[in-house]
Amino acid sequence: MKYMVTGATGHLGQHVVKQLSKLTSPDNIRVGVHNPAKASQFKDAGYEIAAIDYHDVAKMTAAFSGIDVVIYIPSITYLVKDRIDEFENSLTAMFKADVHNLVDVSFIADQYNNPFQMAGYYAYLPARLASSGLKYAVVKNSLYADPLVPYLPELIERHNIIYPVGDQAMSFISRQDSAEAIAKVAVKPYLRDKGQNYLLTMSKNYTMPELSYIMTNVTGERIGYDPVTIKKFAEIYAAEGDGNELASMYQAAAMGLMNRVTDDFAHITGHQPTDMKEFLIKNY
């Protein structure tokens, strides 16, 4: 079997390639990258490199040629129409390249009433794939735990988590655990050939007082919970370019839409995911 990982130089994509390489020879893995100049680590390791452009069907068709299973990691655009157009172009390229198997990476925020700005894309995916004729699985990630690590110094300085989610809990998964599950789904046909819809989470979700307690114990610095308003949160992080998008995500969390917990990770991998305390201790 020949596997293609799109977005392979991204934070998740690099983990997926690494985990996939534990299950099949690197000779069977083609890495799709938007900028081949940034893929030197893959080229040096002997992986086949393919230039991809989600807006260029011809280029995507060439990249998918000879591939059996595509692991599709979307771009980071926060425009729903652009994200859908990119996916539709990729589907067209898959059909032209005669690819029949897809593992699609999605996100927990896919409910019809979810105010997260990208929820429309995630809600569209499963229905679109159900009518595609492909053999596929949708693997939804909960919130990544990884960004919490570089965020800790700011939280220590603030002495508080400020997420505007009230008393609601949020579900998390690490990128490494996510990648392990995605790779396993890709190489096991019985996990991906019936339109399965997975949600990857840790074994429990975390309220913000619970999360702040763990962070206090891991860092040795007192971190509490003092939420700001959704509007204030957007203003604080506006300069980073994604303040409104993040604020809309935490608005969804405040509605109880980001707290679901499943045992899908254990079902796929055969072992439990890394919990929050273990993850922070290992990575802080």
C-alpha atoms as a PDB file:
ATOM      1  CA  MET A   1       0.000   0.000   0.000  1.00  0.00           C
ATOM      2  CA  LYS A   2       1.148   3.504  -0.818  1.00  0.00           C
ATOM      3  CA  TYR A   3       0.210   6.307   1.581  1.00  0.00           C
ATOM      4  CA  MET A   4       0.095  10.068   1.063  1.00  0.00           C
ATOM      5  CA  VAL A   5       0.187  12.560   3.950  1.00  0.00           C
ATOM      6  CA  THR A   6      -0.841  16.091   3.008  1.00  0.00           C
ATOM      7  CA  GLY A   7       0.417  19.032   5.035  1.00  0.00           C
ATOM      8  CA  ALA A   8       3.338  16.865   6.111  1.00  0.00           C
ATOM      9  CA  THR A   9       5.561  19.726   7.302  1.00  0.00           C
ATOM     10  CA  GLY A  10       2.904  21.053   9.685  1.00  0.00           C
ATOM     11  CA  HIS A  11       2.824  20.418  13.433  1.00  0.00           C
ATOM     12  CA  LEU A  12       0.472  17.431  13.122  1.00  0.00           C
ATOM     13  CA  GLY A  13       1.731  16.264   9.730  1.00  0.00           C
ATOM     14  CA  GLN A  14       5.269  15.696  10.970  1.00  0.00           C
ATOM     15  CA  HIS A  15       3.949  13.527  13.790  1.00  0.00           C
ATOM     16  CA  VAL A  16       1.755  11.559  11.375  1.00  0.00           C
ATOM     17  CA  VAL A  17       4.686  10.788   9.075  1.00  0.00           C
ATOM     18  CA  LYS A  18       6.747   9.643  12.061  1.00  0.00           C
ATOM     19  CA  GLN A  19       3.987   7.407  13.414  1.00  0.00           C
ATOM     20  CA  LEU A  20       3.136   6.022   9.977  1.00  0.00           C
ATOM     21  CA  SER A  21       6.804   5.118   9.488  1.00  0.00           C
ATOM     22  CA  LYS A  22       6.527   2.793  12.484  1.00  0.00           C
ATOM     23  CA  LEU A  23       3.814   0.821  10.713  1.00  0.00           C
ATOM     24  CA  THR A  24       5.087   0.720   7.121  1.00  0.00           C
ATOM     25  CA  SER A  25       8.326   1.331   5.267  1.00  0.00           C
ATOM     26  CA  PRO A  26       9.172   4.961   4.432  1.00  0.00           C
ATOM     27  CA  ASP A  27       9.298   3.722   0.832  1.00  0.00           C
ATOM     28  CA  ASN A  28       5.510   3.406   1.049  1.00  0.00           C
ATOM     29  CA  ILE A  29       4.996   6.989   2.232  1.00  0.00           C
ATOM     30  CA  ARG A  30       4.740  10.058   0.024  1.00  0.00           C
ATOM     31  CA  VAL A  31       4.752  13.392   1.829  1.00  0.00           C
ATOM     32  CA  GLY A  32       2.720  16.212   0.374  1.00  0.00           C
ATOM     33  CA  VAL A  33       4.136  19.653   1.066  1.00  0.00           C
ATOM     34  CA  HIS A  34       3.147  23.139  -0.014  1.00  0.00           C
ATOM     35  CA  ASN A  35       6.753  24.312   0.016  1.00  0.00           C
ATOM     36  CA  PRO A  36       9.257  21.562  -0.926  1.00  0.00           C
ATOM     37  CA  ALA A  37      12.094  23.795   0.281  1.00  0.00           C
ATOM     38  CA  LYS A  38      10.853  23.217   3.820  1.00  0.00           C
ATOM     39  CA  ALA A  39      10.851  19.425   3.441  1.00  0.00           C
ATOM     40  CA  SER A  40      14.602  18.824   3.556  1.00  0.00           C
ATOM     41  CA  GLN A  41      14.282  16.607   6.635  1.00  0.00           C
ATOM     42  CA  PHE A  42      11.971  14.278   4.707  1.00  0.00           C
ATOM     43  CA  LYS A  43      14.101  14.295   1.582  1.00  0.00           C
ATOM     44  CA  ASP A  44      17.252  13.541   3.578  1.00  0.00           C
ATOM     45  CA  ALA A  45      15.428  10.643   5.272  1.00  0.00           C
ATOM     46  CA  GLY A  46      14.518   9.139   1.908  1.00  0.00           C
ATOM     47  CA  TYR A  47      10.832   9.970   1.708  1.00  0.00           C
ATOM     48  CA  GLU A  48       9.213  10.689  -1.635  1.00  0.00           C
ATOM     49  CA  ILE A  49       8.252  14.372  -1.826  1.00  0.00           C
ATOM     50  CA  ALA A  50       5.259  15.719  -3.740  1.00  0.00           C
ATOM     51  CA  ALA A  51       4.444  19.400  -4.165  1.00  0.00           C
ATOM     52  CA  ILE A  52       0.783  20.094  -3.431  1.00  0.00           C
ATOM     53  CA  ASP A  53      -1.503  23.088  -3.834  1.00  0.00           C
ATOM     54  CA  TYR A  54      -5.089  22.683  -2.670  1.00  0.00           C
ATOM     55  CA  HIS A  55      -6.162  25.259  -5.272  1.00  0.00           C
ATOM     56  CA  ASP A  56      -4.486  23.436  -8.198  1.00  0.00           C
ATOM     57  CA  VAL A  57      -6.359  20.263  -9.183  1.00  0.00           C
ATOM     58  CA  ALA A  58      -3.771  19.254 -11.786  1.00  0.00           C
ATOM     59  CA  LYS A  59      -0.924  19.477  -9.284  1.00  0.00           C
ATOM     60  CA  MET A  60      -2.948  17.566  -6.682  1.00  0.00           C
ATOM     61  CA  THR A  61      -3.850  14.887  -9.238  1.00  0.00           C
ATOM     62  CA  ALA A  62      -0.176  14.372 -10.039  1.00  0.00           C
ATOM     63  CA  ALA A  63       0.660  14.227  -6.317  1.00  0.00           C
ATOM     64  CA  PHE A  64      -2.040  11.583  -5.693  1.00  0.00           C
ATOM     65  CA  SER A  65      -1.079   9.415  -8.683  1.00  0.00           C
ATOM     66  CA  GLY A  66      -0.254   5.859  -7.589  1.00  0.00           C
ATOM     67  CA  ILE A  67      -1.491   6.431  -4.032  1.00  0.00           C
ATOM     68  CA  ASP A  68      -3.784   3.951  -2.262  1.00  0.00           C
ATOM     69  CA  VAL A  69      -4.667   5.908   0.896  1.00  0.00           C
ATOM     70  CA  VAL A  70      -4.688   9.692   1.357  1.00  0.00           C
ATOM     71  CA  ILE A  71      -4.366  11.126   4.858  1.00  0.00           C
ATOM     72  CA  TYR A  72      -5.841  14.575   4.376  1.00  0.00           C
ATOM     73  CA  ILE A  73      -4.731  17.278   6.807  1.00  0.00           C
ATOM     74  CA  PRO A  74      -6.423  20.575   5.870  1.00  0.00           C
ATOM     75  CA  SER A  75      -4.813  23.987   5.669  1.00  0.00           C
ATOM     76  CA  ILE A  76      -5.031  26.461   8.550  1.00  0.00           C
ATOM     77  CA  THR A  77      -7.194  29.012   6.744  1.00  0.00           C
ATOM     78  CA  TYR A  78     -10.027  30.434   8.857  1.00  0.00           C
ATOM     79  CA  LEU A  79     -12.293  31.016   5.838  1.00  0.00           C
ATOM     80  CA  VAL A  80     -14.943  28.300   5.594  1.00  0.00           C
ATOM     81  CA  LYS A  81     -15.474  28.666   1.843  1.00  0.00           C
ATOM     82  CA  ASP A  82     -11.728  28.456   1.139  1.00  0.00           C
ATOM     83  CA  ARG A  83     -11.417  25.335   3.288  1.00  0.00           C
ATOM     84  CA  ILE A  84     -14.363  23.698   1.495  1.00  0.00           C
ATOM     85  CA  ASP A  85     -13.000  24.687  -1.927  1.00  0.00           C
ATOM     86  CA  GLU A  86      -9.632  23.171  -1.011  1.00  0.00           C
ATOM     87  CA  PHE A  87     -11.282  19.932   0.046  1.00  0.00           C
ATOM     88  CA  GLU A  88     -13.476  19.765  -3.059  1.00  0.00           C
ATOM     89  CA  ASN A  89     -10.408  20.300  -5.250  1.00  0.00           C
ATOM     90  CA  SER A  90      -8.641  17.509  -3.380  1.00  0.00           C
ATOM     91  CA  LEU A  91     -11.601  15.164  -3.856  1.00  0.00           C
ATOM     92  CA  THR A  92     -11.647  15.953  -7.576  1.00  0.00           C
ATOM     93  CA  ALA A  93      -7.927  15.192  -7.745  1.00  0.00           C
ATOM     94  CA  MET A  94      -8.409  11.918  -5.857  1.00  0.00           C
ATOM     95  CA  PHE A  95     -11.064  10.789  -8.342  1.00  0.00           C
ATOM     96  CA  LYS A  96      -8.874  11.775 -11.305  1.00  0.00           C
ATOM     97  CA  ALA A  97      -5.939   9.883  -9.770  1.00  0.00           C
ATOM     98  CA  ASP A  98      -8.147   6.841  -9.054  1.00  0.00           C
ATOM     99  CA  VAL A  99      -7.631   6.984  -5.271  1.00  0.00           C
ATOM    100  CA  HIS A 100     -10.409   5.281  -3.313  1.00  0.00           C
ATOM    101  CA  ASN A 101      -9.371   5.475   0.356  1.00  0.00           C
ATOM    102  CA  LEU A 102      -9.291   8.556   2.577  1.00  0.00           C
ATOM    103  CA  VAL A 103      -8.503   9.313   6.207  1.00  0.00           C
ATOM    104  CA  ASP A 104      -9.801  12.815   6.827  1.00  0.00           C
ATOM    105  CA  VAL A 105      -8.562  14.853   9.798  1.00  0.00           C
ATOM    106  CA  SER A 106     -11.326  16.925  11.378  1.00  0.00           C
ATOM    107  CA  PHE A 107     -12.181  18.654  14.668  1.00  0.00           C
ATOM    108  CA  ILE A 108     -14.583  18.279  17.562  1.00  0.00           C
ATOM    109  CA  ALA A 109     -16.450  21.504  16.686  1.00  0.00           C
ATOM    110  CA  ASP A 110     -18.847  20.091  14.100  1.00  0.00           C
ATOM    111  CA  GLN A 111     -22.278  20.557  15.719  1.00  0.00           C
ATOM    112  CA  TYR A 112     -24.989  22.414  13.795  1.00  0.00           C
ATOM    113  CA  ASN A 113     -25.253  25.063  16.543  1.00  0.00           C
ATOM    114  CA  ASN A 114     -21.530  25.513  17.147  1.00  0.00           C
ATOM    115  CA  PRO A 115     -20.466  29.207  16.912  1.00  0.00           C
ATOM    116  CA  PHE A 116     -16.803  28.409  16.161  1.00  0.00           C
ATOM    117  CA  GLN A 117     -15.990  30.171  12.896  1.00  0.00           C
ATOM    118  CA  MET A 118     -14.826  26.950  11.205  1.00  0.00           C
ATOM    119  CA  ALA A 119     -17.673  24.733  12.445  1.00  0.00           C
ATOM    120  CA  GLY A 120     -19.430  24.989   9.084  1.00  0.00           C
ATOM    121  CA  TYR A 121     -16.521  23.220   7.409  1.00  0.00           C
ATOM    122  CA  TYR A 122     -16.346  20.459   9.980  1.00  0.00           C
ATOM    123  CA  ALA A 123     -20.119  19.926   9.863  1.00  0.00           C
ATOM    124  CA  TYR A 124     -19.983  19.682   6.064  1.00  0.00           C
ATOM    125  CA  LEU A 125     -17.300  16.977   5.963  1.00  0.00           C
ATOM    126  CA  PRO A 126     -19.124  13.815   7.102  1.00  0.00           C
ATOM    127  CA  ALA A 127     -22.195  14.440   4.949  1.00  0.00           C
ATOM    128  CA  ARG A 128     -20.027  15.271   1.929  1.00  0.00           C
ATOM    129  CA  LEU A 129     -17.964  12.129   2.342  1.00  0.00           C
ATOM    130  CA  ALA A 130     -21.035   9.940   2.829  1.00  0.00           C
ATOM    131  CA  SER A 131     -22.076  10.781  -0.736  1.00  0.00           C
ATOM    132  CA  SER A 132     -18.578  10.579  -2.240  1.00  0.00           C
ATOM    133  CA  GLY A 133     -18.365   6.859  -2.948  1.00  0.00           C
ATOM    134  CA  LEU A 134     -14.996   6.705  -1.189  1.00  0.00           C
ATOM    135  CA  LYS A 135     -13.949   4.303   1.530  1.00  0.00           C
ATOM    136  CA  TYR A 136     -13.113   6.676   4.351  1.00  0.00           C
ATOM    137  CA  ALA A 137     -12.903   7.525   8.016  1.00  0.00           C
ATOM    138  CA  VAL A 138     -13.187  10.917   9.675  1.00  0.00           C
ATOM    139  CA  VAL A 139     -10.789  11.332  12.601  1.00  0.00           C
ATOM    140  CA  LYS A 140     -11.773  14.316  14.734  1.00  0.00           C
ATOM    141  CA  ASN A 141      -9.305  15.830  17.150  1.00  0.00           C
ATOM    142  CA  SER A 142     -10.326  17.500  20.357  1.00  0.00           C
ATOM    143  CA  LEU A 143      -8.318  20.558  21.428  1.00  0.00           C
ATOM    144  CA  TYR A 144      -4.567  20.056  21.114  1.00  0.00           C
ATOM    145  CA  ALA A 145      -2.777  19.950  24.446  1.00  0.00           C
ATOM    146  CA  ASP A 146       0.513  20.949  22.806  1.00  0.00           C
ATOM    147  CA  PRO A 147      -0.061  24.748  22.662  1.00  0.00           C
ATOM    148  CA  LEU A 148      -0.562  24.784  26.423  1.00  0.00           C
ATOM    149  CA  VAL A 149       3.162  24.197  26.946  1.00  0.00           C
ATOM    150  CA  PRO A 150       4.461  27.426  25.317  1.00  0.00           C
ATOM    151  CA  TYR A 151       1.439  29.222  26.820  1.00  0.00           C
ATOM    152  CA  LEU A 152       2.455  28.334  30.393  1.00  0.00           C
ATOM    153  CA  PRO A 153       4.907  31.249  30.897  1.00  0.00           C
ATOM    154  CA  GLU A 154       2.137  33.705  30.029  1.00  0.00           C
ATOM    155  CA  LEU A 155      -0.268  31.938  32.387  1.00  0.00           C
ATOM    156  CA  ILE A 156       2.346  32.037  35.147  1.00  0.00           C
ATOM    157  CA  GLU A 157       2.758  35.766  34.552  1.00  0.00           C
ATOM    158  CA  ARG A 158      -1.003  36.294  34.608  1.00  0.00           C
ATOM    159  CA  HIS A 159      -1.395  33.900  37.572  1.00  0.00           C
ATOM    160  CA  ASN A 160      -4.578  32.676  35.891  1.00  0.00           C
ATOM    161  CA  ILE A 161      -6.096  30.813  32.979  1.00  0.00           C
ATOM    162  CA  ILE A 162      -8.368  33.320  31.251  1.00  0.00           C
ATOM    163  CA  TYR A 163     -10.340  31.127  28.799  1.00  0.00           C
ATOM    164  CA  PRO A 164     -13.940  32.421  28.696  1.00  0.00           C
ATOM    165  CA  VAL A 165     -15.634  29.044  29.182  1.00  0.00           C
ATOM    166  CA  GLY A 166     -17.211  29.453  32.613  1.00  0.00           C
ATOM    167  CA  ASP A 167     -17.782  26.195  34.461  1.00  0.00           C
ATOM    168  CA  GLN A 168     -17.667  24.037  31.326  1.00  0.00           C
ATOM    169  CA  ALA A 169     -15.012  21.401  30.638  1.00  0.00           C
ATOM    170  CA  MET A 170     -12.939  20.994  27.482  1.00  0.00           C
ATOM    171  CA  SER A 171     -11.516  17.837  25.914  1.00  0.00           C
ATOM    172  CA  PHE A 172      -7.886  17.559  24.811  1.00  0.00           C
ATOM    173  CA  ILE A 173      -5.522  15.243  22.927  1.00  0.00           C
ATOM    174  CA  SER A 174      -1.803  15.536  22.221  1.00  0.00           C
ATOM    175  CA  ARG A 175      -0.610  15.763  18.629  1.00  0.00           C
ATOM    176  CA  GLN A 176       1.570  12.692  19.132  1.00  0.00           C
ATOM    177  CA  ASP A 177      -1.387  10.623  20.320  1.00  0.00           C
ATOM    178  CA  SER A 178      -3.546  11.988  17.519  1.00  0.00           C
ATOM    179  CA  ALA A 179      -0.913  11.054  14.950  1.00  0.00           C
ATOM    180  CA  GLU A 180      -0.579   7.545  16.361  1.00  0.00           C
ATOM    181  CA  ALA A 181      -4.315   6.958  15.982  1.00  0.00           C
ATOM    182  CA  ILE A 182      -4.452   8.520  12.510  1.00  0.00           C
ATOM    183  CA  ALA A 183      -1.587   6.318  11.298  1.00  0.00           C
ATOM    184  CA  LYS A 184      -3.207   3.192  12.732  1.00  0.00           C
ATOM    185  CA  VAL A 185      -6.525   3.999  11.032  1.00  0.00           C
ATOM    186  CA  ALA A 186      -4.687   4.525   7.735  1.00  0.00           C
ATOM    187  CA  VAL A 187      -2.972   1.132   7.708  1.00  0.00           C
ATOM    188  CA  LYS A 188      -5.905  -0.936   9.022  1.00  0.00           C
ATOM    189  CA  PRO A 189      -8.652  -1.159   6.376  1.00  0.00           C
ATOM    190  CA  TYR A 190     -11.245  -2.360   8.891  1.00  0.00           C
ATOM    191  CA  LEU A 191     -10.781   0.915  10.790  1.00  0.00           C
ATOM    192  CA  ARG A 192     -11.386   3.150   7.766  1.00  0.00           C
ATOM    193  CA  ASP A 193     -13.511   1.465   5.119  1.00  0.00           C
ATOM    194  CA  LYS A 194     -17.038   1.950   6.491  1.00  0.00           C
ATOM    195  CA  GLY A 195     -17.327   5.708   6.943  1.00  0.00           C
ATOM    196  CA  GLN A 196     -16.241   5.606  10.593  1.00  0.00           C
ATOM    197  CA  ASN A 197     -16.335   8.850  12.563  1.00  0.00           C
ATOM    198  CA  TYR A 198     -13.869   8.950  15.459  1.00  0.00           C
ATOM    199  CA  LEU A 199     -13.249  11.571  18.141  1.00  0.00           C
ATOM    200  CA  LEU A 200      -9.825  11.482  19.790  1.00  0.00           C
ATOM    201  CA  THR A 201      -9.746  12.677  23.397  1.00  0.00           C
ATOM    202  CA  MET A 202      -7.905  12.047  26.624  1.00  0.00           C
ATOM    203  CA  SER A 203      -9.648   9.713  29.059  1.00  0.00           C
ATOM    204  CA  LYS A 204     -11.357  12.669  30.761  1.00  0.00           C
ATOM    205  CA  ASN A 205     -12.119  16.290  30.052  1.00  0.00           C
ATOM    206  CA  TYR A 206     -10.983  19.183  32.228  1.00  0.00           C
ATOM    207  CA  THR A 207     -12.743  22.169  33.751  1.00  0.00           C
ATOM    208  CA  MET A 208     -10.560  25.235  34.000  1.00  0.00           C
ATOM    209  CA  PRO A 209     -10.143  24.928  37.802  1.00  0.00           C
ATOM    210  CA  GLU A 210      -8.996  21.321  37.230  1.00  0.00           C
ATOM    211  CA  LEU A 211      -6.605  22.421  34.484  1.00  0.00           C
ATOM    212  CA  SER A 212      -5.215  25.273  36.582  1.00  0.00           C
ATOM    213  CA  TYR A 213      -4.658  22.882  39.503  1.00  0.00           C
ATOM    214  CA  ILE A 214      -2.650  20.537  37.273  1.00  0.00           C
ATOM    215  CA  MET A 215      -0.631  23.447  35.876  1.00  0.00           C
ATOM    216  CA  THR A 216       0.114  24.709  39.378  1.00  0.00           C
ATOM    217  CA  ASN A 217       1.418  21.299  40.412  1.00  0.00           C
ATOM    218  CA  VAL A 218       3.502  20.850  37.256  1.00  0.00           C
ATOM    219  CA  THR A 219       5.099  24.321  37.233  1.00  0.00           C
ATOM    220  CA  GLY A 220       5.295  25.001  40.966  1.00  0.00           C
ATOM    221  CA  GLU A 221       3.715  28.396  40.250  1.00  0.00           C
ATOM    222  CA  ARG A 222       0.236  29.331  41.397  1.00  0.00           C
ATOM    223  CA  ILE A 223      -2.147  29.423  38.441  1.00  0.00           C
ATOM    224  CA  GLY A 224      -5.836  30.035  39.083  1.00  0.00           C
ATOM    225  CA  TYR A 225      -8.855  30.638  36.892  1.00  0.00           C
ATOM    226  CA  ASP A 226     -10.158  34.130  36.202  1.00  0.00           C
ATOM    227  CA  PRO A 227     -12.015  34.116  32.860  1.00  0.00           C
ATOM    228  CA  VAL A 228     -12.284  37.223  30.749  1.00  0.00           C
ATOM    229  CA  THR A 229     -15.248  37.911  28.481  1.00  0.00           C
ATOM    230  CA  ILE A 230     -15.326  36.480  24.986  1.00  0.00           C
ATOM    231  CA  LYS A 231     -14.977  40.004  23.588  1.00  0.00           C
ATOM    232  CA  LYS A 232     -11.982  40.748  25.817  1.00  0.00           C
ATOM    233  CA  PHE A 233     -10.301  37.484  24.848  1.00  0.00           C
ATOM    234  CA  ALA A 234     -10.633  38.376  21.157  1.00  0.00           C
ATOM    235  CA  GLU A 235      -9.113  41.797  21.843  1.00  0.00           C
ATOM    236  CA  ILE A 236      -6.177  40.373  23.823  1.00  0.00           C
ATOM    237  CA  TYR A 237      -5.113  38.070  20.991  1.00  0.00           C
ATOM    238  CA  ALA A 238      -6.176  40.224  18.033  1.00  0.00           C
ATOM    239  CA  ALA A 239      -2.552  41.155  17.307  1.00  0.00           C
ATOM    240  CA  GLU A 240      -1.716  37.476  16.737  1.00  0.00           C
ATOM    241  CA  GLY A 241      -4.242  37.354  13.924  1.00  0.00           C
ATOM    242  CA  ASP A 242      -6.674  34.783  15.272  1.00  0.00           C
ATOM    243  CA  GLY A 243      -8.303  36.478  18.255  1.00  0.00           C
ATOM    244  CA  ASN A 244     -11.853  36.323  16.878  1.00  0.00           C
ATOM    245  CA  GLU A 245     -11.475  32.724  15.739  1.00  0.00           C
ATOM    246  CA  LEU A 246     -10.166  31.556  19.108  1.00  0.00           C
ATOM    247  CA  ALA A 247     -12.809  33.539  20.956  1.00  0.00           C
ATOM    248  CA  SER A 248     -15.534  31.855  18.888  1.00  0.00           C
ATOM    249  CA  MET A 249     -14.064  28.467  19.777  1.00  0.00           C
ATOM    250  CA  TYR A 250     -14.185  29.229  23.500  1.00  0.00           C
ATOM    251  CA  GLN A 251     -17.699  30.574  23.049  1.00  0.00           C
ATOM    252  CA  ALA A 252     -18.554  27.075  21.803  1.00  0.00           C
ATOM    253  CA  ALA A 253     -16.813  25.572  24.813  1.00  0.00           C
ATOM    254  CA  ALA A 254     -18.849  27.797  27.140  1.00  0.00           C
ATOM    255  CA  MET A 255     -21.957  26.248  25.577  1.00  0.00           C
ATOM    256  CA  GLY A 256     -20.743  22.762  26.515  1.00  0.00           C
ATOM    257  CA  LEU A 257     -19.918  21.838  22.904  1.00  0.00           C
ATOM    258  CA  MET A 258     -16.219  20.977  23.394  1.00  0.00           C
ATOM    259  CA  ASN A 259     -16.406  18.580  26.326  1.00  0.00           C
ATOM    260  CA  ARG A 260     -17.221  15.189  24.812  1.00  0.00           C
ATOM    261  CA  VAL A 261     -14.997  12.260  25.851  1.00  0.00           C
ATOM    262  CA  THR A 262     -14.695   8.946  23.978  1.00  0.00           C
ATOM    263  CA  ASP A 263     -12.651   5.753  24.143  1.00  0.00           C
ATOM    264  CA  ASP A 264     -11.968   5.920  20.389  1.00  0.00           C
ATOM    265  CA  PHE A 265      -8.235   6.367  20.912  1.00  0.00           C
ATOM    266  CA  ALA A 266      -8.004   3.178  22.989  1.00  0.00           C
ATOM    267  CA  HIS A 267     -10.236   1.341  20.514  1.00  0.00           C
ATOM    268  CA  ILE A 268      -7.899   2.276  17.658  1.00  0.00           C
ATOM    269  CA  THR A 269      -4.516   1.872  19.380  1.00  0.00           C
ATOM    270  CA  GLY A 270      -5.131  -0.675  22.145  1.00  0.00           C
ATOM    271  CA  HIS A 271      -3.884   1.577  24.948  1.00  0.00           C
ATOM    272  CA  GLN A 272      -4.943   4.692  26.837  1.00  0.00           C
ATOM    273  CA  PRO A 273      -4.012   8.209  25.676  1.00  0.00           C
ATOM    274  CA  THR A 274      -1.567  10.379  27.607  1.00  0.00           C
ATOM    275  CA  ASP A 275      -3.437  12.338  30.281  1.00  0.00           C
ATOM    276  CA  MET A 276      -2.966  16.049  30.857  1.00  0.00           C
ATOM    277  CA  LYS A 277      -0.704  15.872  33.905  1.00  0.00           C
ATOM    278  CA  GLU A 278       1.592  13.299  32.291  1.00  0.00           C
ATOM    279  CA  PHE A 279       1.710  15.335  29.083  1.00  0.00           C
ATOM    280  CA  LEU A 280       2.622  18.595  30.814  1.00  0.00           C
ATOM    281  CA  ILE A 281       5.230  16.958  33.038  1.00  0.00           C
ATOM    282  CA  LYS A 282       6.871  15.391  30.008  1.00  0.00           C
ATOM    283  CA  ASN A 283       6.847  18.531  27.871  1.00  0.00           C
ATOM    284  CA  TYR A 284       7.116  21.512  30.243  1.00  0.00           C
END
